[in-house]
Amino acid sequence: MQNEIEQLFDNKPDQYTPEHFALFTRFKQALNRGEIRSAEPDDSQPCGWRVNGWVKKGILLGFRLGGIVDMSVDPVKQPFLDKSTYPVHRFTPADGVRIVPGGSSVRDGCYVGRSVTCMPPMYINVGAYVGEGTMIDSHALIGSCAQIGRNCHISAASQIGGVLEPVGALPVIVEDEVMVGGNCGVYEGTVVKREAVLGTGTILNRSTPVYDLVRGTVHRAADGAPLVIPEGAVVVAGSRAVSIGPGRDWGISIYTPVIVKYRDNKTGARVQLEDLLR
């Protein structure tokens, strides 16, 4: 499948044939089953993950193949106009996924594991992977190709950024057992390692260093390498003083995320309280 997808992506034909649509259907079904992923664990990589660029090519191919069609249940009250290749994801009770009513949407071409809970309204975009037992809370976004592990909690109004292009760019990775607090934003290929906790309002991207008060180091994204939040780190929104120029004279501080501790039994007990909702 990889060779066929790459050939079709790199050599656009004058007209797409039924065989091309059948290839994309097989590709999208594999995405839905979690058999292929836009990024996957790889211990040989410094951050522990590698990009599968050909999978991103297949997702982009779907946009080329599809035309805009009306998929509205009610075109007056709730119009739904999108590419024919990307309808909403279909679930059955056998999938074991809870989708609470109230305006949530899951796009076709993504994996949503058993015992995932979707609180309204939330959105999961194409190419995303959401592991078993994770809760996606109200007003949360799982962006295109973002990879979310098992038993995570993506709290209300949190944004997990997505990326389709360039195809070689690492999407946001949130590993197993991570707690993402309300109104957090994780962007630009950041990797949050397992059991980390992001406090309310924490923003992580390539531009903002993370100050580790416990280990006395600073975590930064480097050329070709993402920002990586260490395993078990508890990160909160903080600030640091501007030390030069008018900013110092005016007493200005700027935002920075800060690691204030590493996860312990007390932290784990607080996070596990959410299990009552599953």
C-alpha atoms as a PDB file:
ATOM      1  CA  MET A   1       0.000   0.000   0.000  1.00  0.00           C
ATOM      2  CA  GLN A   2       2.812   2.440   0.834  1.00  0.00           C
ATOM      3  CA  ASN A   3       4.318   2.220  -2.659  1.00  0.00           C
ATOM      4  CA  GLU A   4       0.931   2.628  -4.331  1.00  0.00           C
ATOM      5  CA  ILE A   5       0.057   5.679  -2.215  1.00  0.00           C
ATOM      6  CA  GLU A   6       3.403   7.367  -2.829  1.00  0.00           C
ATOM      7  CA  GLN A   7       3.256   6.690  -6.577  1.00  0.00           C
ATOM      8  CA  LEU A   8      -0.232   8.156  -6.847  1.00  0.00           C
ATOM      9  CA  PHE A   9       0.650  11.169  -4.677  1.00  0.00           C
ATOM     10  CA  ASP A  10       3.884  11.984  -6.496  1.00  0.00           C
ATOM     11  CA  ASN A  11       2.535  11.366 -10.022  1.00  0.00           C
ATOM     12  CA  LYS A  12      -0.863  12.992 -10.278  1.00  0.00           C
ATOM     13  CA  PRO A  13      -2.866  11.421 -13.114  1.00  0.00           C
ATOM     14  CA  ASP A  14      -5.048  13.327 -15.557  1.00  0.00           C
ATOM     15  CA  GLN A  15      -8.067  11.578 -14.097  1.00  0.00           C
ATOM     16  CA  TYR A  16      -8.590   9.419 -11.024  1.00  0.00           C
ATOM     17  CA  THR A  17      -9.932   5.928 -11.709  1.00  0.00           C
ATOM     18  CA  PRO A  18     -12.143   3.609  -9.631  1.00  0.00           C
ATOM     19  CA  GLU A  19      -8.955   1.712  -8.722  1.00  0.00           C
ATOM     20  CA  HIS A  20      -7.513   4.886  -7.205  1.00  0.00           C
ATOM     21  CA  PHE A  21     -10.636   5.411  -5.087  1.00  0.00           C
ATOM     22  CA  ALA A  22     -10.521   1.767  -3.994  1.00  0.00           C
ATOM     23  CA  LEU A  23      -6.889   2.217  -2.922  1.00  0.00           C
ATOM     24  CA  PHE A  24      -7.800   5.266  -0.834  1.00  0.00           C
ATOM     25  CA  THR A  25     -10.723   3.415   0.740  1.00  0.00           C
ATOM     26  CA  ARG A  26      -8.401   0.611   1.839  1.00  0.00           C
ATOM     27  CA  PHE A  27      -5.946   3.185   3.162  1.00  0.00           C
ATOM     28  CA  LYS A  28      -8.613   5.025   5.160  1.00  0.00           C
ATOM     29  CA  GLN A  29      -9.972   1.791   6.605  1.00  0.00           C
ATOM     30  CA  ALA A  30      -6.467   0.939   7.832  1.00  0.00           C
ATOM     31  CA  LEU A  31      -6.290   4.378   9.499  1.00  0.00           C
ATOM     32  CA  ASN A  32      -9.643   3.772  11.178  1.00  0.00           C
ATOM     33  CA  ARG A  33      -8.420   0.431  12.522  1.00  0.00           C
ATOM     34  CA  GLY A  34      -5.175   1.917  13.813  1.00  0.00           C
ATOM     35  CA  GLU A  35      -3.102  -0.387  11.607  1.00  0.00           C
ATOM     36  CA  ILE A  36      -1.247   2.556  10.077  1.00  0.00           C
ATOM     37  CA  ARG A  37      -0.389   5.852  11.771  1.00  0.00           C
ATOM     38  CA  SER A  38       1.072   9.188  10.724  1.00  0.00           C
ATOM     39  CA  ALA A  39       3.649   8.782  13.503  1.00  0.00           C
ATOM     40  CA  GLU A  40       4.611   5.809  15.642  1.00  0.00           C
ATOM     41  CA  PRO A  41       6.973   4.909  18.486  1.00  0.00           C
ATOM     42  CA  ASP A  42      10.572   4.350  17.424  1.00  0.00           C
ATOM     43  CA  ASP A  43      13.277   3.847  20.050  1.00  0.00           C
ATOM     44  CA  SER A  44      15.991   4.690  17.517  1.00  0.00           C
ATOM     45  CA  GLN A  45      14.814   8.331  17.408  1.00  0.00           C
ATOM     46  CA  PRO A  46      15.964  10.793  20.104  1.00  0.00           C
ATOM     47  CA  CYS A  47      12.375  11.771  20.912  1.00  0.00           C
ATOM     48  CA  GLY A  48      11.138   8.179  20.684  1.00  0.00           C
ATOM     49  CA  TRP A  49       8.889   8.776  17.666  1.00  0.00           C
ATOM     50  CA  ARG A  50       9.143   8.849  13.885  1.00  0.00           C
ATOM     51  CA  VAL A  51       6.976  10.324  11.181  1.00  0.00           C
ATOM     52  CA  ASN A  52       5.386   8.144   8.507  1.00  0.00           C
ATOM     53  CA  GLY A  53       5.382  10.669   5.697  1.00  0.00           C
ATOM     54  CA  TRP A  54       3.659   8.291   3.293  1.00  0.00           C
ATOM     55  CA  VAL A  55       0.633   8.142   5.599  1.00  0.00           C
ATOM     56  CA  LYS A  56       0.368  11.922   5.500  1.00  0.00           C
ATOM     57  CA  LYS A  57       0.598  11.732   1.713  1.00  0.00           C
ATOM     58  CA  GLY A  58      -2.325   9.314   1.725  1.00  0.00           C
ATOM     59  CA  ILE A  59      -4.406  11.676   3.850  1.00  0.00           C
ATOM     60  CA  LEU A  60      -3.617  14.600   1.541  1.00  0.00           C
ATOM     61  CA  LEU A  61      -4.449  12.379  -1.424  1.00  0.00           C
ATOM     62  CA  GLY A  62      -7.933  12.028  -0.010  1.00  0.00           C
ATOM     63  CA  PHE A  63      -8.476  15.766  -0.357  1.00  0.00           C
ATOM     64  CA  ARG A  64      -7.428  15.596  -4.015  1.00  0.00           C
ATOM     65  CA  LEU A  65      -9.733  12.684  -4.743  1.00  0.00           C
ATOM     66  CA  GLY A  66     -12.821  14.115  -3.076  1.00  0.00           C
ATOM     67  CA  GLY A  67     -15.236  16.728  -4.319  1.00  0.00           C
ATOM     68  CA  ILE A  68     -17.344  19.003  -2.121  1.00  0.00           C
ATOM     69  CA  VAL A  69     -20.711  17.393  -1.477  1.00  0.00           C
ATOM     70  CA  ASP A  70     -23.688  18.050   0.761  1.00  0.00           C
ATOM     71  CA  MET A  71     -23.655  15.534   3.626  1.00  0.00           C
ATOM     72  CA  SER A  72     -26.090  17.478   5.812  1.00  0.00           C
ATOM     73  CA  VAL A  73     -28.629  15.651   7.948  1.00  0.00           C
ATOM     74  CA  ASP A  74     -30.596  18.895   7.874  1.00  0.00           C
ATOM     75  CA  PRO A  75     -29.140  21.392   5.350  1.00  0.00           C
ATOM     76  CA  VAL A  76     -31.059  24.310   6.903  1.00  0.00           C
ATOM     77  CA  LYS A  77     -30.440  23.772  10.609  1.00  0.00           C
ATOM     78  CA  GLN A  78     -26.949  22.264  10.335  1.00  0.00           C
ATOM     79  CA  PRO A  79     -25.288  22.379   6.898  1.00  0.00           C
ATOM     80  CA  PHE A  80     -22.400  19.929   6.370  1.00  0.00           C
ATOM     81  CA  LEU A  81     -20.441  20.550   3.160  1.00  0.00           C
ATOM     82  CA  ASP A  82     -17.103  18.799   2.880  1.00  0.00           C
ATOM     83  CA  LYS A  83     -14.965  16.547   0.715  1.00  0.00           C
ATOM     84  CA  SER A  84     -16.816  13.364  -0.193  1.00  0.00           C
ATOM     85  CA  THR A  85     -13.813  11.321   0.909  1.00  0.00           C
ATOM     86  CA  TYR A  86     -14.039  12.572   4.507  1.00  0.00           C
ATOM     87  CA  PRO A  87     -17.507  12.063   5.996  1.00  0.00           C
ATOM     88  CA  VAL A  88     -17.991  11.698   9.734  1.00  0.00           C
ATOM     89  CA  HIS A  89     -16.504   8.606  11.326  1.00  0.00           C
ATOM     90  CA  ARG A  90     -19.031   5.821  11.819  1.00  0.00           C
ATOM     91  CA  PHE A  91     -19.272   4.099  15.196  1.00  0.00           C
ATOM     92  CA  THR A  92     -21.345   1.202  16.471  1.00  0.00           C
ATOM     93  CA  PRO A  93     -21.917   0.072  20.084  1.00  0.00           C
ATOM     94  CA  ALA A  94     -19.437  -2.739  19.425  1.00  0.00           C
ATOM     95  CA  ASP A  95     -16.654  -0.137  19.127  1.00  0.00           C
ATOM     96  CA  GLY A  96     -17.013   0.613  22.836  1.00  0.00           C
ATOM     97  CA  VAL A  97     -16.690   4.390  22.344  1.00  0.00           C
ATOM     98  CA  ARG A  98     -18.882   6.810  24.296  1.00  0.00           C
ATOM     99  CA  ILE A  99     -20.041   9.838  22.313  1.00  0.00           C
ATOM    100  CA  VAL A 100     -22.170  12.002  24.585  1.00  0.00           C
ATOM    101  CA  PRO A 101     -24.738  14.066  22.632  1.00  0.00           C
ATOM    102  CA  GLY A 102     -24.192  17.773  22.200  1.00  0.00           C
ATOM    103  CA  GLY A 103     -22.344  18.622  18.999  1.00  0.00           C
ATOM    104  CA  SER A 104     -19.157  16.537  18.900  1.00  0.00           C
ATOM    105  CA  SER A 105     -17.634  15.454  15.592  1.00  0.00           C
ATOM    106  CA  VAL A 106     -15.100  12.812  14.621  1.00  0.00           C
ATOM    107  CA  ARG A 107     -13.808  12.874  11.071  1.00  0.00           C
ATOM    108  CA  ASP A 108     -13.319   9.669   9.133  1.00  0.00           C
ATOM    109  CA  GLY A 109      -9.737   8.450   8.782  1.00  0.00           C
ATOM    110  CA  CYS A 110      -8.711   8.405  12.430  1.00  0.00           C
ATOM    111  CA  TYR A 111      -8.392   5.768  15.148  1.00  0.00           C
ATOM    112  CA  VAL A 112     -10.470   6.036  18.324  1.00  0.00           C
ATOM    113  CA  GLY A 113      -9.793   3.216  20.764  1.00  0.00           C
ATOM    114  CA  ARG A 114     -12.159   1.306  23.011  1.00  0.00           C
ATOM    115  CA  SER A 115     -13.430   3.024  26.155  1.00  0.00           C
ATOM    116  CA  VAL A 116     -12.647   6.494  24.785  1.00  0.00           C
ATOM    117  CA  THR A 117     -15.131   9.076  26.084  1.00  0.00           C
ATOM    118  CA  CYS A 118     -16.061  12.076  23.928  1.00  0.00           C
ATOM    119  CA  MET A 119     -17.700  14.897  25.892  1.00  0.00           C
ATOM    120  CA  PRO A 120     -19.594  17.510  23.863  1.00  0.00           C
ATOM    121  CA  PRO A 121     -18.668  19.452  21.950  1.00  0.00           C
ATOM    122  CA  MET A 122     -15.252  18.174  20.915  1.00  0.00           C
ATOM    123  CA  TYR A 123     -13.541  17.459  17.605  1.00  0.00           C
ATOM    124  CA  ILE A 124     -11.120  14.798  16.370  1.00  0.00           C
ATOM    125  CA  ASN A 125      -9.577  15.475  12.960  1.00  0.00           C
ATOM    126  CA  VAL A 126      -8.391  13.147  10.220  1.00  0.00           C
ATOM    127  CA  GLY A 127      -5.204  11.161  10.835  1.00  0.00           C
ATOM    128  CA  ALA A 128      -5.435  11.445  14.611  1.00  0.00           C
ATOM    129  CA  TYR A 129      -4.890   8.450  16.899  1.00  0.00           C
ATOM    130  CA  VAL A 130      -6.604   8.318  20.299  1.00  0.00           C
ATOM    131  CA  GLY A 131      -5.637   5.404  22.530  1.00  0.00           C
ATOM    132  CA  GLU A 132      -7.910   3.245  24.645  1.00  0.00           C
ATOM    133  CA  GLY A 133      -9.475   4.693  27.781  1.00  0.00           C
ATOM    134  CA  THR A 134      -8.739   8.339  26.978  1.00  0.00           C
ATOM    135  CA  MET A 135     -11.234  11.112  27.754  1.00  0.00           C
ATOM    136  CA  ILE A 136     -11.651  14.022  25.333  1.00  0.00           C
ATOM    137  CA  ASP A 137     -13.461  16.721  27.264  1.00  0.00           C
ATOM    138  CA  SER A 138     -15.781  19.520  26.150  1.00  0.00           C
ATOM    139  CA  HIS A 139     -14.488  22.072  23.613  1.00  0.00           C
ATOM    140  CA  ALA A 140     -11.245  20.110  23.163  1.00  0.00           C
ATOM    141  CA  LEU A 141      -9.560  19.698  19.783  1.00  0.00           C
ATOM    142  CA  ILE A 142      -7.438  16.772  18.613  1.00  0.00           C
ATOM    143  CA  GLY A 143      -5.755  18.122  15.489  1.00  0.00           C
ATOM    144  CA  SER A 144      -4.955  16.283  12.275  1.00  0.00           C
ATOM    145  CA  CYS A 145      -2.413  13.473  12.783  1.00  0.00           C
ATOM    146  CA  ALA A 146      -2.009  14.175  16.530  1.00  0.00           C
ATOM    147  CA  GLN A 147      -1.150  11.016  18.481  1.00  0.00           C
ATOM    148  CA  ILE A 148      -2.798  10.574  21.897  1.00  0.00           C
ATOM    149  CA  GLY A 149      -1.923   7.628  24.134  1.00  0.00           C
ATOM    150  CA  ARG A 150      -3.931   5.382  26.417  1.00  0.00           C
ATOM    151  CA  ASN A 151      -5.763   6.581  29.520  1.00  0.00           C
ATOM    152  CA  CYS A 152      -5.100  10.277  28.946  1.00  0.00           C
ATOM    153  CA  HIS A 153      -7.398  13.137  29.923  1.00  0.00           C
ATOM    154  CA  ILE A 154      -7.574  16.009  27.455  1.00  0.00           C
ATOM    155  CA  SER A 155      -9.450  18.523  29.577  1.00  0.00           C
ATOM    156  CA  ALA A 156     -11.999  21.118  28.573  1.00  0.00           C
ATOM    157  CA  ALA A 157     -10.986  23.710  25.944  1.00  0.00           C
ATOM    158  CA  SER A 158      -7.539  22.181  25.414  1.00  0.00           C
ATOM    159  CA  GLN A 159      -6.024  22.349  21.945  1.00  0.00           C
ATOM    160  CA  ILE A 160      -3.791  19.566  20.647  1.00  0.00           C
ATOM    161  CA  GLY A 161      -2.345  20.978  17.454  1.00  0.00           C
ATOM    162  CA  GLY A 162      -2.246  19.117  14.174  1.00  0.00           C
ATOM    163  CA  VAL A 163      -0.014  19.103  11.134  1.00  0.00           C
ATOM    164  CA  LEU A 164      -0.436  17.615   7.672  1.00  0.00           C
ATOM    165  CA  GLU A 165       2.167  19.608   5.772  1.00  0.00           C
ATOM    166  CA  PRO A 166       5.049  19.360   5.385  1.00  0.00           C
ATOM    167  CA  VAL A 167       4.665  15.594   5.331  1.00  0.00           C
ATOM    168  CA  GLY A 168       7.954  15.147   7.192  1.00  0.00           C
ATOM    169  CA  ALA A 169       6.900  17.262  10.180  1.00  0.00           C
ATOM    170  CA  LEU A 170       6.269  15.420  13.436  1.00  0.00           C
ATOM    171  CA  PRO A 171       2.724  15.904  14.771  1.00  0.00           C
ATOM    172  CA  VAL A 172       2.023  16.568  18.429  1.00  0.00           C
ATOM    173  CA  ILE A 173       2.563  13.447  20.542  1.00  0.00           C
ATOM    174  CA  VAL A 174       0.871  12.909  23.919  1.00  0.00           C
ATOM    175  CA  GLU A 175       1.945   9.581  25.375  1.00  0.00           C
ATOM    176  CA  ASP A 176       0.096   7.233  27.765  1.00  0.00           C
ATOM    177  CA  GLU A 177      -1.372   8.351  31.098  1.00  0.00           C
ATOM    178  CA  VAL A 178      -0.890  12.089  30.446  1.00  0.00           C
ATOM    179  CA  MET A 179      -3.158  14.647  32.094  1.00  0.00           C
ATOM    180  CA  VAL A 180      -3.686  17.802  29.999  1.00  0.00           C
ATOM    181  CA  GLY A 181      -5.397  20.475  32.093  1.00  0.00           C
ATOM    182  CA  GLY A 182      -8.100  22.852  30.933  1.00  0.00           C
ATOM    183  CA  ASN A 183      -7.262  25.558  28.380  1.00  0.00           C
ATOM    184  CA  CYS A 184      -3.866  24.061  27.573  1.00  0.00           C
ATOM    185  CA  GLY A 185      -2.324  24.277  24.110  1.00  0.00           C
ATOM    186  CA  VAL A 186       0.218  21.801  22.749  1.00  0.00           C
ATOM    187  CA  TYR A 187       1.549  22.732  19.325  1.00  0.00           C
ATOM    188  CA  GLU A 188       4.295  22.396  16.686  1.00  0.00           C
ATOM    189  CA  GLY A 189       5.270  18.768  17.132  1.00  0.00           C
ATOM    190  CA  THR A 190       5.813  18.877  20.902  1.00  0.00           C
ATOM    191  CA  VAL A 191       6.256  15.445  22.516  1.00  0.00           C
ATOM    192  CA  VAL A 192       4.726  15.020  25.978  1.00  0.00           C
ATOM    193  CA  LYS A 193       6.147  11.852  27.510  1.00  0.00           C
ATOM    194  CA  ARG A 194       4.101   9.364  29.503  1.00  0.00           C
ATOM    195  CA  GLU A 195       2.527  10.275  32.854  1.00  0.00           C
ATOM    196  CA  ALA A 196       3.303  13.977  32.507  1.00  0.00           C
ATOM    197  CA  VAL A 197       0.802  16.502  33.871  1.00  0.00           C
ATOM    198  CA  LEU A 198       0.121  19.878  32.228  1.00  0.00           C
ATOM    199  CA  GLY A 199      -1.456  22.356  34.612  1.00  0.00           C
ATOM    200  CA  THR A 200      -4.318  24.599  33.574  1.00  0.00           C
ATOM    201  CA  GLY A 201      -3.412  27.105  30.875  1.00  0.00           C
ATOM    202  CA  THR A 202       0.002  25.638  29.966  1.00  0.00           C
ATOM    203  CA  ILE A 203       1.110  26.429  26.407  1.00  0.00           C
ATOM    204  CA  LEU A 204       3.855  24.366  24.763  1.00  0.00           C
ATOM    205  CA  ASN A 205       5.425  25.104  21.368  1.00  0.00           C
ATOM    206  CA  ARG A 206       8.815  25.264  19.649  1.00  0.00           C
ATOM    207  CA  SER A 207       9.427  28.894  20.594  1.00  0.00           C
ATOM    208  CA  THR A 208       9.047  28.773  24.363  1.00  0.00           C
ATOM    209  CA  PRO A 209      11.664  27.067  26.565  1.00  0.00           C
ATOM    210  CA  VAL A 210      10.530  25.008  29.542  1.00  0.00           C
ATOM    211  CA  TYR A 211      12.386  25.668  32.822  1.00  0.00           C
ATOM    212  CA  ASP A 212      12.902  22.572  34.971  1.00  0.00           C
ATOM    213  CA  LEU A 213      13.194  23.736  38.573  1.00  0.00           C
ATOM    214  CA  VAL A 214      13.687  20.172  39.823  1.00  0.00           C
ATOM    215  CA  ARG A 215      16.592  19.132  37.614  1.00  0.00           C
ATOM    216  CA  GLY A 216      18.026  22.577  37.001  1.00  0.00           C
ATOM    217  CA  THR A 217      17.863  22.443  33.224  1.00  0.00           C
ATOM    218  CA  VAL A 218      16.028  24.107  30.359  1.00  0.00           C
ATOM    219  CA  HIS A 219      14.163  22.080  27.736  1.00  0.00           C
ATOM    220  CA  ARG A 220      14.124  23.558  24.241  1.00  0.00           C
ATOM    221  CA  ALA A 221      13.268  22.526  20.720  1.00  0.00           C
ATOM    222  CA  ALA A 222      16.361  22.289  18.525  1.00  0.00           C
ATOM    223  CA  ASP A 223      16.918  22.207  14.772  1.00  0.00           C
ATOM    224  CA  GLY A 224      15.213  19.070  13.553  1.00  0.00           C
ATOM    225  CA  ALA A 225      14.187  18.032  17.081  1.00  0.00           C
ATOM    226  CA  PRO A 226      10.935  18.804  18.898  1.00  0.00           C
ATOM    227  CA  LEU A 227      10.357  20.145  22.379  1.00  0.00           C
ATOM    228  CA  VAL A 228      10.153  17.095  24.671  1.00  0.00           C
ATOM    229  CA  ILE A 229       8.467  17.189  28.078  1.00  0.00           C
ATOM    230  CA  PRO A 230      10.085  14.527  30.295  1.00  0.00           C
ATOM    231  CA  GLU A 231       8.229  11.527  31.643  1.00  0.00           C
ATOM    232  CA  GLY A 232       6.236  12.304  34.776  1.00  0.00           C
ATOM    233  CA  ALA A 233       6.939  16.050  34.682  1.00  0.00           C
ATOM    234  CA  VAL A 234       4.357  18.370  36.231  1.00  0.00           C
ATOM    235  CA  VAL A 235       4.311  21.554  34.138  1.00  0.00           C
ATOM    236  CA  VAL A 236       2.540  24.771  35.094  1.00  0.00           C
ATOM    237  CA  ALA A 237       2.186  28.175  33.493  1.00  0.00           C
ATOM    238  CA  GLY A 238       4.812  30.533  34.908  1.00  0.00           C
ATOM    239  CA  SER A 239       6.690  33.708  34.055  1.00  0.00           C
ATOM    240  CA  ARG A 240      10.240  35.008  33.935  1.00  0.00           C
ATOM    241  CA  ALA A 241      11.417  38.552  34.326  1.00  0.00           C
ATOM    242  CA  VAL A 242      12.765  40.526  31.371  1.00  0.00           C
ATOM    243  CA  SER A 243      16.352  41.275  32.410  1.00  0.00           C
ATOM    244  CA  ILE A 244      17.455  43.895  29.872  1.00  0.00           C
ATOM    245  CA  GLY A 245      16.242  47.102  28.270  1.00  0.00           C
ATOM    246  CA  PRO A 246      12.903  48.807  28.858  1.00  0.00           C
ATOM    247  CA  GLY A 247      11.297  45.529  29.869  1.00  0.00           C
ATOM    248  CA  ARG A 248      13.527  45.385  32.955  1.00  0.00           C
ATOM    249  CA  ASP A 249      12.878  49.039  33.763  1.00  0.00           C
ATOM    250  CA  TRP A 250       9.146  48.553  33.460  1.00  0.00           C
ATOM    251  CA  GLY A 251       9.150  45.380  35.568  1.00  0.00           C
ATOM    252  CA  ILE A 252       7.745  43.214  32.763  1.00  0.00           C
ATOM    253  CA  SER A 253       7.647  39.428  32.874  1.00  0.00           C
ATOM    254  CA  ILE A 254       6.839  37.065  29.996  1.00  0.00           C
ATOM    255  CA  TYR A 255       5.106  33.704  29.949  1.00  0.00           C
ATOM    256  CA  THR A 256       7.092  30.514  30.330  1.00  0.00           C
ATOM    257  CA  PRO A 257       6.126  26.940  31.254  1.00  0.00           C
ATOM    258  CA  VAL A 258       7.838  25.636  34.388  1.00  0.00           C
ATOM    259  CA  ILE A 259       8.373  22.079  35.659  1.00  0.00           C
ATOM    260  CA  VAL A 260       7.694  22.368  39.384  1.00  0.00           C
ATOM    261  CA  LYS A 261       7.824  18.677  40.345  1.00  0.00           C
ATOM    262  CA  TYR A 262       7.710  15.151  39.009  1.00  0.00           C
ATOM    263  CA  ARG A 263       4.676  12.959  39.389  1.00  0.00           C
ATOM    264  CA  ASP A 264       4.352  11.144  42.712  1.00  0.00           C
ATOM    265  CA  ASN A 265       1.691   9.114  44.514  1.00  0.00           C
ATOM    266  CA  LYS A 266      -0.195  12.245  45.569  1.00  0.00           C
ATOM    267  CA  THR A 267      -0.333  13.547  42.001  1.00  0.00           C
ATOM    268  CA  GLY A 268      -1.427  10.151  40.729  1.00  0.00           C
ATOM    269  CA  ALA A 269      -4.271   9.945  43.243  1.00  0.00           C
ATOM    270  CA  ARG A 270      -5.654  13.302  42.110  1.00  0.00           C
ATOM    271  CA  VAL A 271      -5.514  12.330  38.447  1.00  0.00           C
ATOM    272  CA  GLN A 272      -7.179   8.964  39.071  1.00  0.00           C
ATOM    273  CA  LEU A 273     -10.305  10.646  40.497  1.00  0.00           C
ATOM    274  CA  GLU A 274     -11.523  11.046  36.918  1.00  0.00           C
ATOM    275  CA  ASP A 275     -11.874   7.259  36.604  1.00  0.00           C
ATOM    276  CA  LEU A 276     -15.256   7.614  38.316  1.00  0.00           C
ATOM    277  CA  LEU A 277     -16.538   9.302  35.144  1.00  0.00           C
ATOM    278  CA  ARG A 278     -15.530   6.562  32.718  1.00  0.00           C
END
